[in-house]
Amino acid sequence: MRLSGAVLRLAERSLRFEYDAGGVTPQSGFMGTGWRTLPQLVTACISYPSKYEFADGRKGLIRAGDTALVPPGLHHCLGKSTRQAGVSRWSHVSYLLFGSLDPFRFVDLPSFVSGPDSERIGALNAELVEVSARAGAEGLGLADLARKQALGWSLLETVLKHARERPESARMAAGVERLAGTLEFLNAHFAEPLRLDELARRAHLSPSRFHAVFKAVLGVSPQAYWTALRLRRAQEELLRGSRSVKEIAAAVGMRDPFHFSRAFKAAFGQSPQAYRATVRRSLI
């Protein structure tokens, strides 16, 4: 897949890779993730027949040996459809523009990948697990850091071979370029009070014009984007960390735990406590 020049300029300027979680996980009997929403790209190369259902209406079967692909933020359910024992080689990874913008908004991903590229994704996921395990045991050396990044970019390259660029991506990317300074500032200061005048100044626009341009480019208001960024960071904390919900709420700038819990449930259909308890058990 060839991306438009505007999208490539964004990627060259600011795209980064983060490895969040992964595993080579044996599975036996029937099992399923339940409905969940994750802030990362999910790739799961599975050696057993499975089924998938996405909130955008897609659903179907995945053959043994295929790789399920779930873009960030998509409400979904994956389920093993046989008692046959098998293994899932999976990873949850983030690719971000300006620290917060999901680059998969520019492309459409298939529900799964088959053939040699599926096996390649599985092998990349398995090696990411190995490199990360070494880092946890011994500390990350420079060579391991380089290898981890190389694996992440190879994973993205393989996934994007099966993606299609959306017709509006070039127009959207040009708009995002105009908002680059604003997005970088939001990412660095997401836990602070939102200052619309400061964001507008960084985009060289009046506050009213900035609000209109931001919504036209990203489809949401600056306030909604800022709230979604905070909740994404809260998701990551709930999945990986051990801090209390009250501590997480404060860390993302939502100091009223009740308001935070209400906003989180409105976005993801579960309270923060329930999300932590149920989604952690479904990490495949």
Protein backbone atom coordinates (compact mmCIF):
# COMPACT_ATOMS: atom_id res chain seq x y z
CA MET A 1 0.00 0.00 0.00
CA ARG A 2 1.32 3.45 -0.95
CA LEU A 3 0.36 6.31 1.35
CA SER A 4 -0.20 9.87 0.18
CA GLY A 5 2.62 12.37 0.57
CA ALA A 6 0.82 14.28 3.32
CA VAL A 7 0.43 11.13 5.45
CA LEU A 8 4.08 10.15 4.89
CA ARG A 9 5.26 13.60 5.98
CA LEU A 10 3.37 13.19 9.24
CA ALA A 11 4.88 9.74 9.78
CA GLU A 12 8.42 10.90 9.04
CA ARG A 13 8.01 13.83 11.40
CA SER A 14 6.47 12.20 14.45
CA LEU A 15 5.47 8.52 14.23
CA ARG A 16 6.69 6.43 17.16
CA PHE A 17 6.28 2.84 18.30
CA GLU A 18 5.51 1.57 21.83
CA TYR A 19 5.26 -2.06 22.90
CA ASP A 20 2.60 -2.50 25.56
CA ALA A 21 2.04 -6.23 26.09
CA GLY A 22 2.36 -9.59 24.39
CA GLY A 23 2.63 -13.29 24.87
CA VAL A 24 2.91 -16.78 23.47
CA THR A 25 -0.14 -18.13 25.22
CA PRO A 26 -1.37 -21.76 25.20
CA GLN A 27 -5.16 -22.12 25.00
CA SER A 28 -7.34 -25.17 25.57
CA GLY A 29 -11.11 -25.54 25.59
CA PHE A 30 -13.50 -22.81 24.59
CA MET A 31 -12.54 -19.28 25.60
CA GLY A 32 -13.25 -15.71 24.67
CA THR A 33 -12.15 -12.19 25.46
CA GLY A 34 -15.64 -10.87 26.07
CA TRP A 35 -16.48 -7.44 24.69
CA ARG A 36 -13.62 -5.03 25.28
CA THR A 37 -12.00 -1.85 23.98
CA LEU A 38 -8.21 -1.49 24.00
CA PRO A 39 -6.10 1.59 23.28
CA GLN A 40 -3.57 -0.41 21.25
CA LEU A 41 -3.43 -2.27 17.95
CA VAL A 42 -4.11 -5.98 18.60
CA THR A 43 -2.42 -8.62 16.43
CA ALA A 44 -3.03 -12.25 17.40
CA CYS A 45 -1.69 -15.13 15.29
CA ILE A 46 -3.74 -18.12 16.42
CA SER A 47 -3.26 -21.84 15.74
CA TYR A 48 -6.93 -22.74 16.30
CA PRO A 49 -10.24 -21.74 14.67
CA SER A 50 -11.79 -18.63 16.20
CA LYS A 51 -14.53 -16.12 15.64
CA TYR A 52 -14.58 -12.35 15.83
CA GLU A 53 -17.21 -9.66 16.17
CA PHE A 54 -16.58 -5.93 15.92
CA ALA A 55 -18.80 -3.04 16.95
CA ASP A 56 -18.63 -1.65 13.38
CA GLY A 57 -20.73 -4.65 12.22
CA ARG A 58 -18.00 -6.99 10.99
CA LYS A 59 -18.08 -10.56 12.24
CA GLY A 60 -16.97 -13.95 11.03
CA LEU A 61 -14.57 -16.86 11.44
CA ILE A 62 -10.78 -16.90 11.58
CA ARG A 63 -9.07 -20.08 10.40
CA ALA A 64 -6.25 -21.76 12.29
CA GLY A 65 -3.01 -20.02 11.32
CA ASP A 66 -4.59 -16.65 10.58
CA THR A 67 -3.90 -13.41 12.46
CA ALA A 68 -6.69 -11.30 13.90
CA LEU A 69 -6.22 -7.52 13.50
CA VAL A 70 -8.09 -5.09 15.75
CA PRO A 71 -7.36 -1.35 15.40
CA PRO A 72 -7.06 0.80 18.52
CA GLY A 73 -10.31 1.90 20.13
CA LEU A 74 -12.58 -0.58 18.34
CA HIS A 75 -15.03 -2.39 20.64
CA HIS A 76 -14.60 -6.07 19.82
CA CYS A 77 -14.88 -9.69 20.93
CA LEU A 78 -12.59 -12.59 20.00
CA GLY A 79 -13.49 -16.19 20.82
CA LYS A 80 -11.94 -19.63 20.42
CA SER A 81 -14.51 -21.81 18.64
CA THR A 82 -13.10 -25.28 19.31
CA ARG A 83 -11.84 -27.41 22.21
CA GLN A 84 -8.71 -28.08 20.17
CA ALA A 85 -5.62 -26.93 22.06
CA GLY A 86 -3.45 -24.29 20.46
CA VAL A 87 -1.31 -21.18 20.91
CA SER A 88 -1.85 -17.48 20.41
CA ARG A 89 1.21 -15.36 19.56
CA TRP A 90 -0.09 -11.91 20.26
CA SER A 91 0.91 -8.34 20.93
CA HIS A 92 -0.70 -5.04 21.89
CA VAL A 93 1.30 -2.20 20.38
CA SER A 94 0.87 1.53 19.89
CA TYR A 95 1.84 3.64 16.90
CA LEU A 96 1.27 7.32 17.62
CA LEU A 97 1.60 10.61 15.76
CA PHE A 98 2.55 13.59 17.95
CA GLY A 99 2.28 11.34 20.98
CA SER A 100 -1.49 10.92 20.88
CA LEU A 101 -2.95 10.65 17.37
CA ASP A 102 -3.85 7.20 16.05
CA PRO A 103 -2.33 6.79 12.54
CA PHE A 104 -4.81 4.02 11.73
CA ARG A 105 -7.45 6.71 11.24
CA PHE A 106 -5.86 7.17 7.80
CA VAL A 107 -6.32 3.54 6.70
CA ASP A 108 -8.78 0.64 6.82
CA LEU A 109 -7.46 -2.66 8.16
CA PRO A 110 -8.87 -6.10 7.31
CA SER A 111 -10.26 -8.21 10.14
CA PHE A 112 -7.53 -10.80 9.68
CA VAL A 113 -4.44 -11.69 7.66
CA SER A 114 -3.71 -15.14 6.17
CA GLY A 115 -0.78 -16.95 4.63
CA PRO A 116 2.94 -16.13 4.98
CA ASP A 117 2.29 -12.66 6.38
CA SER A 118 0.21 -14.14 9.19
CA GLU A 119 3.10 -16.43 10.12
CA ARG A 120 5.48 -13.46 9.93
CA ILE A 121 3.31 -11.48 12.34
CA GLY A 122 3.26 -14.43 14.72
CA ALA A 123 7.07 -14.72 14.58
CA LEU A 124 7.50 -10.98 15.17
CA ASN A 125 5.14 -11.11 18.14
CA ALA A 126 7.03 -14.06 19.63
CA GLU A 127 10.38 -12.28 19.29
CA LEU A 128 8.95 -9.10 20.83
CA VAL A 129 8.01 -11.21 23.85
CA GLU A 130 11.57 -12.57 24.08
CA VAL A 131 13.22 -9.14 23.81
CA SER A 132 10.86 -7.65 26.37
CA ALA A 133 11.47 -10.56 28.77
CA ARG A 134 15.23 -9.96 28.56
CA ALA A 135 14.68 -6.30 29.25
CA GLY A 136 12.59 -7.10 32.32
CA ALA A 137 15.19 -9.50 33.70
CA GLU A 138 18.41 -7.66 32.87
CA GLY A 139 17.56 -4.13 31.84
CA LEU A 140 17.27 -3.04 28.21
CA GLY A 141 20.63 -2.84 26.45
CA LEU A 142 21.13 -0.67 23.37
CA ALA A 143 21.14 -3.68 21.06
CA ASP A 144 17.89 -4.97 22.54
CA LEU A 145 16.35 -1.52 22.27
CA ALA A 146 17.31 -1.34 18.59
CA ARG A 147 15.95 -4.84 17.97
CA LYS A 148 12.69 -4.08 19.74
CA GLN A 149 12.16 -0.98 17.61
CA ALA A 150 13.07 -2.88 14.44
CA LEU A 151 10.53 -5.58 15.29
CA GLY A 152 7.86 -2.94 15.87
CA TRP A 153 8.46 -1.30 12.50
CA SER A 154 8.52 -4.68 10.76
CA LEU A 155 5.19 -5.50 12.37
CA LEU A 156 3.70 -2.23 11.11
CA GLU A 157 5.13 -2.81 7.62
CA THR A 158 3.54 -6.26 7.46
CA VAL A 159 0.16 -5.06 8.72
CA LEU A 160 0.07 -2.11 6.31
CA LYS A 161 0.63 -4.40 3.32
CA HIS A 162 -3.00 -5.44 3.85
CA ALA A 163 -4.46 -1.98 4.58
CA ARG A 164 -6.20 0.47 2.28
CA GLU A 165 -5.72 4.21 2.54
CA ARG A 166 -8.97 6.04 3.13
CA PRO A 167 -10.06 8.49 0.40
CA GLU A 168 -10.07 11.44 2.81
CA SER A 169 -6.64 10.70 4.32
CA ALA A 170 -4.64 13.27 2.32
CA ARG A 171 -7.05 16.07 3.22
CA MET A 172 -7.07 15.00 6.87
CA ALA A 173 -3.27 14.74 7.01
CA ALA A 174 -2.88 18.25 5.60
CA GLY A 175 -5.17 19.51 8.35
CA VAL A 176 -3.26 17.58 11.00
CA GLU A 177 -0.01 19.18 9.80
CA ARG A 178 -1.57 22.57 10.50
CA LEU A 179 -2.45 21.41 14.04
CA ALA A 180 0.89 19.69 14.76
CA GLY A 181 2.05 22.18 17.38
CA THR A 182 -1.29 22.02 19.11
CA LEU A 183 -1.32 18.21 19.22
CA GLU A 184 2.22 18.10 20.60
CA PHE A 185 1.25 20.59 23.30
CA LEU A 186 -1.88 18.62 24.20
CA ASN A 187 0.12 15.42 24.53
CA ALA A 188 2.70 17.06 26.79
CA HIS A 189 0.12 18.84 28.98
CA PHE A 190 -2.93 16.56 28.88
CA ALA A 191 -3.23 16.48 32.69
CA GLU A 192 -3.43 20.26 32.93
CA PRO A 193 -6.57 22.40 32.49
CA LEU A 194 -7.50 22.92 28.84
CA ARG A 195 -6.56 26.40 27.59
CA LEU A 196 -8.26 26.97 24.27
CA ASP A 197 -6.57 30.33 23.73
CA GLU A 198 -3.12 28.73 24.11
CA LEU A 199 -3.99 25.95 21.68
CA ALA A 200 -5.34 28.45 19.17
CA ARG A 201 -2.21 30.60 19.48
CA ARG A 202 -0.03 27.61 18.65
CA ALA A 203 -2.09 27.03 15.50
CA HIS A 204 -1.95 30.76 14.64
CA LEU A 205 -5.74 30.99 14.67
CA SER A 206 -8.38 32.81 16.67
CA PRO A 207 -10.07 30.63 19.32
CA SER A 208 -13.33 30.41 17.37
CA ARG A 209 -11.58 29.62 14.09
CA PHE A 210 -9.32 27.11 15.82
CA HIS A 211 -12.32 25.27 17.29
CA ALA A 212 -13.91 25.02 13.84
CA VAL A 213 -10.70 23.85 12.12
CA PHE A 214 -9.92 21.29 14.82
CA LYS A 215 -13.38 19.74 14.61
CA ALA A 216 -13.33 19.73 10.80
CA VAL A 217 -9.97 17.91 10.73
CA LEU A 218 -10.35 15.43 13.60
CA GLY A 219 -14.12 15.08 13.80
CA VAL A 220 -14.34 16.09 17.46
CA SER A 221 -13.96 19.30 19.45
CA PRO A 222 -10.68 20.12 21.22
CA GLN A 223 -12.43 19.41 24.54
CA ALA A 224 -13.58 15.95 23.37
CA TYR A 225 -10.10 15.10 22.00
CA TRP A 226 -8.48 16.21 25.26
CA THR A 227 -10.89 14.10 27.32
CA ALA A 228 -10.33 11.07 25.05
CA LEU A 229 -6.56 11.49 25.44
CA ARG A 230 -6.91 11.49 29.23
CA LEU A 231 -9.10 8.39 29.16
CA ARG A 232 -6.67 6.58 26.85
CA ARG A 233 -3.87 7.22 29.34
CA ALA A 234 -6.16 5.95 32.10
CA GLN A 235 -6.83 2.75 30.09
CA GLU A 236 -3.09 2.16 29.79
CA GLU A 237 -2.61 2.64 33.54
CA LEU A 238 -5.47 0.29 34.37
CA LEU A 239 -4.08 -2.41 32.07
CA ARG A 240 -0.44 -2.19 33.13
CA GLY A 241 -0.12 -0.49 36.49
CA SER A 242 -1.09 -1.04 40.09
CA ARG A 243 -2.17 2.45 41.12
CA SER A 244 -5.64 2.93 42.54
CA VAL A 245 -8.45 4.41 40.46
CA LYS A 246 -8.26 7.58 42.55
CA GLU A 247 -4.53 7.89 41.86
CA ILE A 248 -5.03 7.27 38.14
CA ALA A 249 -7.79 9.88 37.97
CA ALA A 250 -5.48 12.45 39.56
CA ALA A 251 -2.57 11.48 37.28
CA VAL A 252 -4.61 12.16 34.13
CA GLY A 253 -5.92 15.47 35.50
CA MET A 254 -9.43 14.32 36.47
CA ARG A 255 -9.20 14.90 40.20
CA ASP A 256 -12.82 14.07 40.98
CA PRO A 257 -12.92 10.23 41.03
CA PHE A 258 -16.69 10.20 40.56
CA HIS A 259 -16.49 12.39 37.46
CA PHE A 260 -13.61 10.27 36.15
CA SER A 261 -15.50 7.00 36.67
CA ARG A 262 -18.61 8.39 35.00
CA ALA A 263 -16.63 9.62 31.96
CA PHE A 264 -14.75 6.31 31.73
CA LYS A 265 -17.94 4.26 31.82
CA ALA A 266 -19.58 6.49 29.21
CA ALA A 267 -16.60 5.91 26.89
CA PHE A 268 -15.98 2.19 27.45
CA GLY A 269 -19.15 0.74 28.95
CA GLN A 270 -17.51 -0.31 32.22
CA SER A 271 -16.36 1.36 35.40
CA PRO A 272 -12.57 1.66 35.79
CA GLN A 273 -12.60 -1.09 38.42
CA ALA A 274 -14.59 -3.48 36.22
CA TYR A 275 -12.42 -2.65 33.19
CA ARG A 276 -9.24 -3.48 35.09
CA ALA A 277 -10.68 -6.75 36.42
CA THR A 278 -12.22 -8.06 33.19
CA VAL A 279 -9.93 -6.77 30.45
CA ARG A 280 -6.71 -7.83 32.16
CA ARG A 281 -8.01 -11.40 32.05
CA SER A 282 -8.62 -11.15 28.29
CA LEU A 283 -5.16 -10.10 27.13
CA ILE A 284 -4.58 -12.32 24.10
